[in-house]
Amino acid sequence: MATISVKKLSEELGISKQAVHKRIEQLPDRFQPKKVDGIYELTAETADAIRKNKKASTTVNQPSVDAVDALKMQINELKEEKKDSTDNLTSFNFYWTNSNN
């Protein structure tokens, strides 16, 4: 039975080896490849299932756009607070320096 490596399939599909591995994890049990000496040997059936599923999302652990936008807003708010605190310290330092002279 002919097999193909993850590396070859990733090159063929123009995706990373990690993306191929993520797609392997998403395959039904009947398509799960066997490891030989710690390396997956993909059968033609498994490779075809991955090819057909090429557009499948591999961003399983990526935050949603809403979460990213919320974090950006929070960062901007913290930057403003930092600026305000720095301005207050500068004013206090100026007052303190001038009042002691």
C-alpha atoms as a PDB file:
ATOM      1  CA  MET A   1       0.000   0.000   0.000  1.00  0.00           C
ATOM      2  CA  ALA A   2       1.443   3.384  -1.026  1.00  0.00           C
ATOM      3  CA  THR A   3       1.817   6.015   1.668  1.00  0.00           C
ATOM      4  CA  ILE A   4       2.708   9.683   1.772  1.00  0.00           C
ATOM      5  CA  SER A   5       4.510  11.583   4.520  1.00  0.00           C
ATOM      6  CA  VAL A   6       3.071  14.545   6.394  1.00  0.00           C
ATOM      7  CA  LYS A   7       5.876  16.673   4.963  1.00  0.00           C
ATOM      8  CA  LYS A   8       5.049  15.740   1.360  1.00  0.00           C
ATOM      9  CA  LEU A   9       1.337  16.329   1.875  1.00  0.00           C
ATOM     10  CA  SER A  10       1.987  19.687   3.542  1.00  0.00           C
ATOM     11  CA  GLU A  11       4.143  20.747   0.585  1.00  0.00           C
ATOM     12  CA  GLU A  12       1.481  19.570  -1.869  1.00  0.00           C
ATOM     13  CA  LEU A  13      -1.268  21.496  -0.085  1.00  0.00           C
ATOM     14  CA  GLY A  14       0.863  24.554   0.639  1.00  0.00           C
ATOM     15  CA  ILE A  15       0.242  24.364   4.384  1.00  0.00           C
ATOM     16  CA  SER A  16       2.494  23.691   7.357  1.00  0.00           C
ATOM     17  CA  LYS A  17       3.164  20.243   8.778  1.00  0.00           C
ATOM     18  CA  GLN A  18       1.466  21.415  11.956  1.00  0.00           C
ATOM     19  CA  ALA A  19      -1.669  22.228   9.954  1.00  0.00           C
ATOM     20  CA  VAL A  20      -1.636  18.688   8.526  1.00  0.00           C
ATOM     21  CA  HIS A  21      -1.276  17.291  12.059  1.00  0.00           C
ATOM     22  CA  LYS A  22      -4.254  19.384  13.212  1.00  0.00           C
ATOM     23  CA  ARG A  23      -6.304  18.016  10.336  1.00  0.00           C
ATOM     24  CA  ILE A  24      -5.237  14.484  11.269  1.00  0.00           C
ATOM     25  CA  GLU A  25      -6.552  15.106  14.796  1.00  0.00           C
ATOM     26  CA  GLN A  26      -9.900  16.175  13.329  1.00  0.00           C
ATOM     27  CA  LEU A  27     -10.309  13.071  11.158  1.00  0.00           C
ATOM     28  CA  PRO A  28     -12.772  10.316  12.050  1.00  0.00           C
ATOM     29  CA  ASP A  29     -11.222   7.186  13.586  1.00  0.00           C
ATOM     30  CA  ARG A  30     -11.385   5.243  10.324  1.00  0.00           C
ATOM     31  CA  PHE A  31      -8.984   7.727   8.703  1.00  0.00           C
ATOM     32  CA  GLN A  32      -6.498   7.911  11.585  1.00  0.00           C
ATOM     33  CA  PRO A  33      -3.024   7.047  10.284  1.00  0.00           C
ATOM     34  CA  LYS A  34      -0.571   4.680  11.906  1.00  0.00           C
ATOM     35  CA  LYS A  35       2.775   5.816  13.210  1.00  0.00           C
ATOM     36  CA  VAL A  36       5.810   3.887  12.023  1.00  0.00           C
ATOM     37  CA  ASP A  37       9.001   4.680  13.934  1.00  0.00           C
ATOM     38  CA  GLY A  38       7.251   7.744  15.370  1.00  0.00           C
ATOM     39  CA  ILE A  39       6.287   9.118  11.943  1.00  0.00           C
ATOM     40  CA  TYR A  40       2.820   9.119  10.425  1.00  0.00           C
ATOM     41  CA  GLU A  41       2.456   7.166   7.213  1.00  0.00           C
ATOM     42  CA  LEU A  42      -0.638   8.490   5.505  1.00  0.00           C
ATOM     43  CA  THR A  43      -2.573   6.102   3.325  1.00  0.00           C
ATOM     44  CA  ALA A  44      -4.096   7.360   0.092  1.00  0.00           C
ATOM     45  CA  GLU A  45      -7.509   7.302   1.809  1.00  0.00           C
ATOM     46  CA  THR A  46      -6.252   9.408   4.733  1.00  0.00           C
ATOM     47  CA  ALA A  47      -4.411  11.837   2.447  1.00  0.00           C
ATOM     48  CA  ASP A  48      -7.567  12.245   0.332  1.00  0.00           C
ATOM     49  CA  ALA A  49      -9.638  12.941   3.454  1.00  0.00           C
ATOM     50  CA  ILE A  50      -7.141  15.659   4.453  1.00  0.00           C
ATOM     51  CA  ARG A  51      -7.107  17.077   0.915  1.00  0.00           C
ATOM     52  CA  LYS A  52     -10.912  17.278   0.902  1.00  0.00           C
ATOM     53  CA  ASN A  53     -10.808  18.916   4.308  1.00  0.00           C
ATOM     54  CA  LYS A  54      -8.077  21.387   3.314  1.00  0.00           C
ATOM     55  CA  LYS A  55     -10.282  24.373   4.042  1.00  0.00           C
ATOM     56  CA  ALA A  56     -11.047  23.138   7.544  1.00  0.00           C
ATOM     57  CA  SER A  57     -10.175  25.593  10.220  1.00  0.00           C
ATOM     58  CA  THR A  58      -6.994  24.917  12.128  1.00  0.00           C
ATOM     59  CA  THR A  59      -7.403  27.925  14.368  1.00  0.00           C
ATOM     60  CA  VAL A  60      -9.043  25.913  17.126  1.00  0.00           C
ATOM     61  CA  ASN A  61      -7.149  27.748  19.866  1.00  0.00           C
ATOM     62  CA  GLN A  62      -7.343  31.237  18.353  1.00  0.00           C
ATOM     63  CA  PRO A  63      -9.357  33.851  20.254  1.00  0.00           C
ATOM     64  CA  SER A  64     -12.452  35.258  18.623  1.00  0.00           C
ATOM     65  CA  VAL A  65     -12.348  38.661  16.942  1.00  0.00           C
ATOM     66  CA  ASP A  66     -14.562  40.055  19.720  1.00  0.00           C
ATOM     67  CA  ALA A  67     -12.077  38.884  22.358  1.00  0.00           C
ATOM     68  CA  VAL A  68      -9.187  40.449  20.463  1.00  0.00           C
ATOM     69  CA  ASP A  69     -11.061  43.745  20.094  1.00  0.00           C
ATOM     70  CA  ALA A  70     -11.923  43.728  23.801  1.00  0.00           C
ATOM     71  CA  LEU A  71      -8.278  43.161  24.697  1.00  0.00           C
ATOM     72  CA  LYS A  72      -7.173  45.979  22.379  1.00  0.00           C
ATOM     73  CA  MET A  73      -9.639  48.316  24.089  1.00  0.00           C
ATOM     74  CA  GLN A  74      -8.366  47.231  27.489  1.00  0.00           C
ATOM     75  CA  ILE A  75      -4.762  47.869  26.389  1.00  0.00           C
ATOM     76  CA  ASN A  76      -5.677  51.359  25.210  1.00  0.00           C
ATOM     77  CA  GLU A  77      -7.439  52.091  28.507  1.00  0.00           C
ATOM     78  CA  LEU A  78      -4.384  50.916  30.448  1.00  0.00           C
ATOM     79  CA  LYS A  79      -2.119  53.095  28.304  1.00  0.00           C
ATOM     80  CA  GLU A  80      -4.327  56.098  29.120  1.00  0.00           C
ATOM     81  CA  GLU A  81      -4.206  55.265  32.840  1.00  0.00           C
ATOM     82  CA  LYS A  82      -0.424  54.973  32.646  1.00  0.00           C
ATOM     83  CA  LYS A  83      -0.180  58.350  30.901  1.00  0.00           C
ATOM     84  CA  ASP A  84      -2.432  59.966  33.521  1.00  0.00           C
ATOM     85  CA  SER A  85      -0.364  58.433  36.351  1.00  0.00           C
ATOM     86  CA  THR A  86       2.870  59.627  34.747  1.00  0.00           C
ATOM     87  CA  ASP A  87       1.442  63.128  34.324  1.00  0.00           C
ATOM     88  CA  ASN A  88       0.341  63.151  37.981  1.00  0.00           C
ATOM     89  CA  LEU A  89       3.771  62.041  39.161  1.00  0.00           C
ATOM     90  CA  THR A  90       5.444  64.682  37.033  1.00  0.00           C
ATOM     91  CA  SER A  91       3.175  67.382  38.471  1.00  0.00           C
ATOM     92  CA  PHE A  92       3.750  66.152  42.008  1.00  0.00           C
ATOM     93  CA  ASN A  93       7.511  66.051  41.461  1.00  0.00           C
ATOM     94  CA  PHE A  94       7.443  69.615  40.083  1.00  0.00           C
ATOM     95  CA  TYR A  95       5.374  70.817  43.058  1.00  0.00           C
ATOM     96  CA  TRP A  96       7.569  68.988  45.564  1.00  0.00           C
ATOM     97  CA  THR A  97      10.795  70.289  44.034  1.00  0.00           C
ATOM     98  CA  ASN A  98       9.548  73.909  43.913  1.00  0.00           C
ATOM     99  CA  SER A  99       8.050  73.885  47.418  1.00  0.00           C
ATOM    100  CA  ASN A 100      11.315  72.718  48.985  1.00  0.00           C
ATOM    101  CA  ASN A 101      13.404  75.481  47.428  1.00  0.00           C
END
